[in-house]
Amino acid sequence: MNERRAVRKDKPMIRRNLEHPEVKATRYRAHGGGIAHMILDTRHLQTLMFLAHAYVPPGEILIGHVDPMEEIYYIHTGQGRMRVGDEICDVKPGDAVHIPIGQFHELTNTGEEVLTVLVVAGLIPGQ
């Protein structure tokens, strides 16, 4: 028997979407120019800090910042310009961008439609 499945059997599957009441209750302004929701967080996850969904209107910016954890930005819709450290690249749907611990990062919506992004964050090391 697969040990991973055996461990998971006693834990229920968790399904969330943007309409779930717990997700709606987490709405917040994300780094100045976006609106975000926590889909899953440490109440649900064991080895990750959170999965968030954010949207950035055309011309707006998720203002540059540094986080104490590793992140992945997955571009779902729209187009933009991503900066991580000194590197800058254009991003489009299907792109995943890895952000190492402590790296400055910023995302600008350069398109004419809303840019949506899923953010996966690892746990803060040492906590």
N, C-alpha and C. Protein backbone atom coordinates (compact mmCIF):
# COMPACT_ATOMS: atom_id res chain seq x y z
N MET A 1 0.84 -1.19 0.00
CA MET A 1 0.00 0.00 0.00
C MET A 1 0.88 1.24 0.00
N ASN A 2 0.50 2.23 -0.75
CA ASN A 2 1.24 3.48 -0.82
C ASN A 2 1.15 4.19 0.53
N GLU A 3 2.33 4.40 1.19
CA GLU A 3 2.34 5.01 2.51
C GLU A 3 1.76 6.42 2.50
N ARG A 4 2.02 7.17 1.44
CA ARG A 4 1.50 8.54 1.34
C ARG A 4 -0.03 8.53 1.39
N ARG A 5 -0.64 7.61 0.69
CA ARG A 5 -2.10 7.52 0.71
C ARG A 5 -2.58 7.11 2.10
N ALA A 6 -1.88 6.20 2.74
CA ALA A 6 -2.29 5.75 4.07
C ALA A 6 -2.28 6.91 5.05
N VAL A 7 -1.30 7.78 4.98
CA VAL A 7 -1.22 8.93 5.87
C VAL A 7 -2.36 9.89 5.58
N ARG A 8 -2.71 10.07 4.34
CA ARG A 8 -3.73 11.03 3.91
C ARG A 8 -5.15 10.55 4.22
N LYS A 9 -5.37 9.25 4.37
CA LYS A 9 -6.71 8.70 4.53
C LYS A 9 -7.50 9.33 5.67
N ASP A 10 -6.84 9.64 6.78
CA ASP A 10 -7.57 10.17 7.93
C ASP A 10 -7.81 11.67 7.84
N LYS A 11 -7.32 12.32 6.79
CA LYS A 11 -7.52 13.76 6.61
C LYS A 11 -8.46 13.98 5.44
N PRO A 12 -9.48 14.79 5.64
CA PRO A 12 -10.43 15.03 4.55
C PRO A 12 -9.82 15.89 3.44
N MET A 13 -10.30 15.69 2.25
CA MET A 13 -9.92 16.55 1.14
C MET A 13 -10.47 17.95 1.42
N ILE A 14 -9.71 18.96 1.06
CA ILE A 14 -10.15 20.33 1.22
C ILE A 14 -10.36 20.91 -0.16
N ARG A 15 -11.53 21.47 -0.39
CA ARG A 15 -11.82 22.11 -1.68
C ARG A 15 -12.28 23.53 -1.39
N ARG A 16 -11.62 24.49 -2.02
CA ARG A 16 -11.97 25.90 -1.86
C ARG A 16 -12.02 26.55 -3.23
N ASN A 17 -12.82 27.60 -3.34
CA ASN A 17 -12.81 28.45 -4.53
C ASN A 17 -13.07 29.87 -4.06
N LEU A 18 -13.06 30.81 -4.98
CA LEU A 18 -13.18 32.21 -4.61
C LEU A 18 -14.55 32.57 -4.03
N GLU A 19 -15.54 31.68 -4.20
CA GLU A 19 -16.87 31.93 -3.66
C GLU A 19 -17.07 31.34 -2.27
N HIS A 20 -16.12 30.56 -1.80
CA HIS A 20 -16.23 29.94 -0.48
C HIS A 20 -16.24 31.05 0.60
N PRO A 21 -17.15 30.97 1.58
CA PRO A 21 -17.24 32.03 2.60
C PRO A 21 -15.93 32.31 3.33
N GLU A 22 -15.17 31.26 3.66
CA GLU A 22 -13.88 31.48 4.34
C GLU A 22 -12.90 32.22 3.45
N VAL A 23 -12.94 31.95 2.16
CA VAL A 23 -12.04 32.62 1.21
C VAL A 23 -12.47 34.07 1.03
N LYS A 24 -13.77 34.30 0.86
CA LYS A 24 -14.27 35.67 0.71
C LYS A 24 -13.90 36.54 1.91
N ALA A 25 -13.89 35.95 3.09
CA ALA A 25 -13.59 36.70 4.32
C ALA A 25 -12.14 37.15 4.40
N THR A 26 -11.28 36.61 3.54
CA THR A 26 -9.86 36.96 3.61
C THR A 26 -9.46 38.06 2.62
N ARG A 27 -10.41 38.66 1.94
CA ARG A 27 -10.11 39.69 0.93
C ARG A 27 -9.23 40.79 1.54
N TYR A 28 -8.15 41.15 0.83
CA TYR A 28 -7.27 42.21 1.30
C TYR A 28 -6.59 42.91 0.14
N ARG A 29 -6.10 44.11 0.39
CA ARG A 29 -5.34 44.88 -0.60
C ARG A 29 -3.93 44.31 -0.60
N ALA A 30 -3.48 43.86 -1.77
CA ALA A 30 -2.17 43.21 -1.88
C ALA A 30 -1.13 44.17 -2.43
N HIS A 31 -0.21 44.55 -1.60
CA HIS A 31 0.95 45.34 -2.02
C HIS A 31 0.58 46.53 -2.89
N GLY A 32 -0.46 47.24 -2.50
CA GLY A 32 -0.81 48.49 -3.14
C GLY A 32 -1.77 48.42 -4.31
N GLY A 33 -1.49 47.58 -5.30
CA GLY A 33 -2.27 47.65 -6.53
C GLY A 33 -3.15 46.46 -6.84
N GLY A 34 -3.22 45.50 -5.97
CA GLY A 34 -4.01 44.31 -6.26
C GLY A 34 -4.99 43.99 -5.15
N ILE A 35 -5.90 43.10 -5.46
CA ILE A 35 -6.84 42.57 -4.46
C ILE A 35 -6.58 41.06 -4.39
N ALA A 36 -6.48 40.54 -3.18
CA ALA A 36 -6.14 39.12 -3.03
C ALA A 36 -7.07 38.44 -2.03
N HIS A 37 -7.09 37.12 -2.14
CA HIS A 37 -7.82 36.25 -1.22
C HIS A 37 -6.92 35.06 -0.88
N MET A 38 -6.93 34.65 0.37
CA MET A 38 -6.24 33.44 0.77
C MET A 38 -7.17 32.26 0.51
N ILE A 39 -6.76 31.39 -0.39
CA ILE A 39 -7.57 30.21 -0.69
C ILE A 39 -7.32 29.13 0.35
N LEU A 40 -6.06 28.90 0.65
CA LEU A 40 -5.66 27.95 1.70
C LEU A 40 -4.52 28.60 2.47
N ASP A 41 -4.42 28.29 3.76
CA ASP A 41 -3.33 28.85 4.56
C ASP A 41 -2.89 27.82 5.61
N THR A 42 -2.14 28.27 6.59
CA THR A 42 -1.58 27.33 7.57
C THR A 42 -2.64 26.62 8.41
N ARG A 43 -3.88 27.08 8.37
CA ARG A 43 -4.96 26.33 9.04
C ARG A 43 -5.24 25.03 8.32
N HIS A 44 -4.89 24.99 7.01
CA HIS A 44 -5.19 23.83 6.18
C HIS A 44 -3.94 23.08 5.71
N LEU A 45 -2.83 23.79 5.62
CA LEU A 45 -1.61 23.25 5.00
C LEU A 45 -0.58 22.86 6.05
N GLN A 46 0.24 21.87 5.71
CA GLN A 46 1.28 21.42 6.63
C GLN A 46 2.67 21.87 6.22
N THR A 47 2.95 21.93 4.93
CA THR A 47 4.32 22.24 4.49
C THR A 47 4.37 23.50 3.63
N LEU A 48 3.27 24.20 3.52
CA LEU A 48 3.22 25.46 2.78
C LEU A 48 2.56 26.51 3.68
N MET A 49 2.86 27.79 3.42
CA MET A 49 2.24 28.85 4.19
C MET A 49 0.87 29.21 3.64
N PHE A 50 0.78 29.37 2.29
CA PHE A 50 -0.51 29.71 1.73
C PHE A 50 -0.56 29.52 0.22
N LEU A 51 -1.80 29.47 -0.27
CA LEU A 51 -2.13 29.58 -1.68
C LEU A 51 -3.08 30.76 -1.77
N ALA A 52 -2.68 31.80 -2.51
CA ALA A 52 -3.52 32.99 -2.65
C ALA A 52 -3.85 33.23 -4.11
N HIS A 53 -4.95 33.92 -4.33
CA HIS A 53 -5.36 34.35 -5.66
C HIS A 53 -5.39 35.88 -5.61
N ALA A 54 -4.73 36.51 -6.57
CA ALA A 54 -4.73 37.98 -6.62
C ALA A 54 -5.08 38.45 -8.01
N TYR A 55 -5.70 39.60 -8.08
CA TYR A 55 -5.92 40.21 -9.39
C TYR A 55 -5.42 41.64 -9.36
N VAL A 56 -4.86 42.03 -10.51
CA VAL A 56 -4.24 43.34 -10.66
C VAL A 56 -4.89 44.01 -11.87
N PRO A 57 -5.60 45.12 -11.68
CA PRO A 57 -6.23 45.81 -12.80
C PRO A 57 -5.19 46.34 -13.79
N PRO A 58 -5.60 46.61 -15.03
CA PRO A 58 -4.68 47.15 -16.02
C PRO A 58 -3.98 48.41 -15.51
N GLY A 59 -2.67 48.46 -15.74
CA GLY A 59 -1.88 49.62 -15.34
C GLY A 59 -1.48 49.65 -13.88
N GLU A 60 -1.98 48.73 -13.06
CA GLU A 60 -1.66 48.70 -11.63
C GLU A 60 -0.44 47.82 -11.36
N ILE A 61 0.10 47.96 -10.15
CA ILE A 61 1.34 47.27 -9.77
C ILE A 61 1.16 46.62 -8.40
N LEU A 62 1.63 45.37 -8.29
CA LEU A 62 1.86 44.79 -6.96
C LEU A 62 3.23 45.36 -6.57
N ILE A 63 3.20 46.36 -5.72
CA ILE A 63 4.40 47.13 -5.39
C ILE A 63 5.51 46.20 -4.89
N GLY A 64 6.71 46.49 -5.35
CA GLY A 64 7.88 45.68 -5.01
C GLY A 64 8.06 45.53 -3.51
N HIS A 65 8.45 44.33 -3.12
CA HIS A 65 8.64 44.00 -1.72
C HIS A 65 9.53 42.77 -1.59
N VAL A 66 9.90 42.48 -0.36
CA VAL A 66 10.73 41.31 -0.04
C VAL A 66 9.96 40.48 0.98
N ASP A 67 9.95 39.17 0.78
CA ASP A 67 9.28 38.26 1.72
C ASP A 67 10.30 37.31 2.33
N PRO A 68 10.02 36.85 3.56
CA PRO A 68 10.96 35.94 4.23
C PRO A 68 10.78 34.48 3.85
N MET A 69 10.00 34.23 2.79
CA MET A 69 9.76 32.86 2.36
C MET A 69 9.86 32.77 0.84
N GLU A 70 10.03 31.56 0.36
CA GLU A 70 10.07 31.27 -1.08
C GLU A 70 8.64 31.34 -1.61
N GLU A 71 8.50 31.88 -2.84
CA GLU A 71 7.18 31.95 -3.45
C GLU A 71 7.24 31.53 -4.91
N ILE A 72 6.07 31.17 -5.43
CA ILE A 72 5.89 30.93 -6.86
C ILE A 72 4.68 31.74 -7.28
N TYR A 73 4.83 32.55 -8.32
CA TYR A 73 3.71 33.27 -8.93
C TYR A 73 3.35 32.52 -10.21
N TYR A 74 2.10 32.11 -10.32
CA TYR A 74 1.61 31.45 -11.53
C TYR A 74 0.61 32.40 -12.19
N ILE A 75 0.93 32.84 -13.40
CA ILE A 75 0.08 33.78 -14.12
C ILE A 75 -1.08 33.00 -14.75
N HIS A 76 -2.29 33.39 -14.39
CA HIS A 76 -3.48 32.70 -14.88
C HIS A 76 -4.10 33.44 -16.07
N THR A 77 -4.30 34.75 -15.94
CA THR A 77 -4.84 35.54 -17.05
C THR A 77 -4.08 36.86 -17.14
N GLY A 78 -4.17 37.49 -18.31
CA GLY A 78 -3.56 38.79 -18.50
C GLY A 78 -2.09 38.70 -18.86
N GLN A 79 -1.45 39.85 -18.88
CA GLN A 79 -0.02 39.89 -19.16
C GLN A 79 0.61 40.96 -18.29
N GLY A 80 1.89 40.79 -18.05
CA GLY A 80 2.55 41.74 -17.17
C GLY A 80 4.04 41.70 -17.30
N ARG A 81 4.66 42.43 -16.39
CA ARG A 81 6.12 42.48 -16.31
C ARG A 81 6.50 42.14 -14.88
N MET A 82 7.32 41.12 -14.73
CA MET A 82 7.74 40.62 -13.42
C MET A 82 9.19 40.98 -13.20
N ARG A 83 9.47 41.50 -12.02
CA ARG A 83 10.85 41.76 -11.62
C ARG A 83 11.15 40.92 -10.40
N VAL A 84 12.26 40.20 -10.46
CA VAL A 84 12.77 39.44 -9.32
C VAL A 84 14.25 39.79 -9.22
N GLY A 85 14.62 40.45 -8.13
CA GLY A 85 16.00 40.93 -8.01
C GLY A 85 16.28 41.92 -9.12
N ASP A 86 17.34 41.68 -9.86
CA ASP A 86 17.72 42.56 -10.98
C ASP A 86 17.17 42.08 -12.31
N GLU A 87 16.46 40.96 -12.32
CA GLU A 87 15.93 40.40 -13.57
C GLU A 87 14.49 40.88 -13.81
N ILE A 88 14.20 41.21 -15.06
CA ILE A 88 12.86 41.64 -15.47
C ILE A 88 12.46 40.84 -16.70
N CYS A 89 11.22 40.33 -16.71
CA CYS A 89 10.73 39.63 -17.90
C CYS A 89 9.24 39.84 -18.05
N ASP A 90 8.76 39.71 -19.28
CA ASP A 90 7.33 39.75 -19.54
C ASP A 90 6.74 38.40 -19.17
N VAL A 91 5.51 38.43 -18.62
CA VAL A 91 4.83 37.20 -18.23
C VAL A 91 3.45 37.14 -18.86
N LYS A 92 2.99 35.91 -19.10
CA LYS A 92 1.69 35.67 -19.74
C LYS A 92 1.07 34.43 -19.12
N PRO A 93 -0.19 34.14 -19.43
CA PRO A 93 -0.85 32.97 -18.86
C PRO A 93 -0.03 31.69 -19.06
N GLY A 94 0.07 30.93 -17.98
CA GLY A 94 0.82 29.68 -18.01
C GLY A 94 2.24 29.82 -17.49
N ASP A 95 2.72 31.05 -17.33
CA ASP A 95 4.07 31.26 -16.80
C ASP A 95 4.09 31.09 -15.29
N ALA A 96 5.10 30.42 -14.78
CA ALA A 96 5.35 30.30 -13.35
C ALA A 96 6.70 30.95 -13.07
N VAL A 97 6.74 31.80 -12.06
CA VAL A 97 7.97 32.51 -11.71
C VAL A 97 8.35 32.15 -10.29
N HIS A 98 9.56 31.64 -10.12
CA HIS A 98 10.07 31.29 -8.79
C HIS A 98 10.72 32.53 -8.18
N ILE A 99 10.38 32.81 -6.92
CA ILE A 99 10.95 33.95 -6.19
C ILE A 99 11.68 33.38 -4.98
N PRO A 100 13.02 33.42 -5.01
CA PRO A 100 13.78 32.89 -3.87
C PRO A 100 13.55 33.71 -2.59
N ILE A 101 13.82 33.11 -1.47
CA ILE A 101 13.71 33.77 -0.17
C ILE A 101 14.49 35.08 -0.19
N GLY A 102 13.84 36.15 0.28
CA GLY A 102 14.53 37.43 0.44
C GLY A 102 14.77 38.23 -0.82
N GLN A 103 14.24 37.79 -1.96
CA GLN A 103 14.45 38.53 -3.21
C GLN A 103 13.36 39.59 -3.40
N PHE A 104 13.78 40.79 -3.75
CA PHE A 104 12.84 41.85 -4.11
C PHE A 104 12.06 41.39 -5.32
N HIS A 105 10.73 41.61 -5.33
CA HIS A 105 9.92 41.25 -6.49
C HIS A 105 8.75 42.20 -6.64
N GLU A 106 8.34 42.38 -7.91
CA GLU A 106 7.27 43.32 -8.25
C GLU A 106 6.59 42.82 -9.51
N LEU A 107 5.27 43.01 -9.60
CA LEU A 107 4.51 42.58 -10.77
C LEU A 107 3.65 43.74 -11.25
N THR A 108 3.80 44.09 -12.53
CA THR A 108 3.04 45.17 -13.15
C THR A 108 2.13 44.60 -14.23
N ASN A 109 0.87 45.01 -14.22
CA ASN A 109 -0.05 44.61 -15.29
C ASN A 109 0.20 45.54 -16.47
N THR A 110 0.74 45.00 -17.56
CA THR A 110 1.03 45.80 -18.75
C THR A 110 -0.03 45.63 -19.84
N GLY A 111 -1.04 44.83 -19.57
CA GLY A 111 -2.06 44.55 -20.57
C GLY A 111 -3.30 45.41 -20.41
N GLU A 112 -4.32 45.04 -21.19
CA GLU A 112 -5.59 45.77 -21.17
C GLU A 112 -6.68 45.03 -20.42
N GLU A 113 -6.35 43.85 -19.89
CA GLU A 113 -7.31 43.09 -19.09
C GLU A 113 -6.73 42.83 -17.71
N VAL A 114 -7.58 42.40 -16.80
CA VAL A 114 -7.13 42.09 -15.45
C VAL A 114 -6.10 40.97 -15.49
N LEU A 115 -5.05 41.11 -14.74
CA LEU A 115 -4.03 40.07 -14.60
C LEU A 115 -4.36 39.31 -13.33
N THR A 116 -4.50 37.99 -13.42
CA THR A 116 -4.74 37.19 -12.23
C THR A 116 -3.55 36.27 -12.01
N VAL A 117 -3.22 36.08 -10.75
CA VAL A 117 -2.04 35.30 -10.39
C VAL A 117 -2.37 34.44 -9.17
N LEU A 118 -1.88 33.22 -9.19
CA LEU A 118 -1.92 32.35 -8.01
C LEU A 118 -0.54 32.45 -7.36
N VAL A 119 -0.53 32.61 -6.05
CA VAL A 119 0.73 32.73 -5.31
C VAL A 119 0.81 31.56 -4.34
N VAL A 120 1.87 30.78 -4.46
CA VAL A 120 2.14 29.68 -3.55
C VAL A 120 3.34 30.10 -2.70
N ALA A 121 3.19 30.06 -1.40
CA ALA A 121 4.27 30.48 -0.50
C ALA A 121 4.68 29.34 0.41
N GLY A 122 5.97 29.13 0.50
CA GLY A 122 6.51 28.14 1.41
C GLY A 122 6.51 28.67 2.83
N LEU A 123 6.80 27.81 3.76
CA LEU A 123 6.90 28.23 5.15
C LEU A 123 8.14 29.10 5.36
N ILE A 124 8.09 29.96 6.35
CA ILE A 124 9.24 30.79 6.70
C ILE A 124 10.25 29.88 7.38
N PRO A 125 11.48 29.81 6.85
CA PRO A 125 12.49 28.93 7.46
C PRO A 125 12.70 29.25 8.94
N GLY A 126 12.80 28.20 9.74
CA GLY A 126 13.07 28.35 11.16
C GLY A 126 11.84 28.61 12.02
N GLN A 127 10.67 28.64 11.39
CA GLN A 127 9.46 28.88 12.19
C GLN A 127 8.58 27.66 12.22
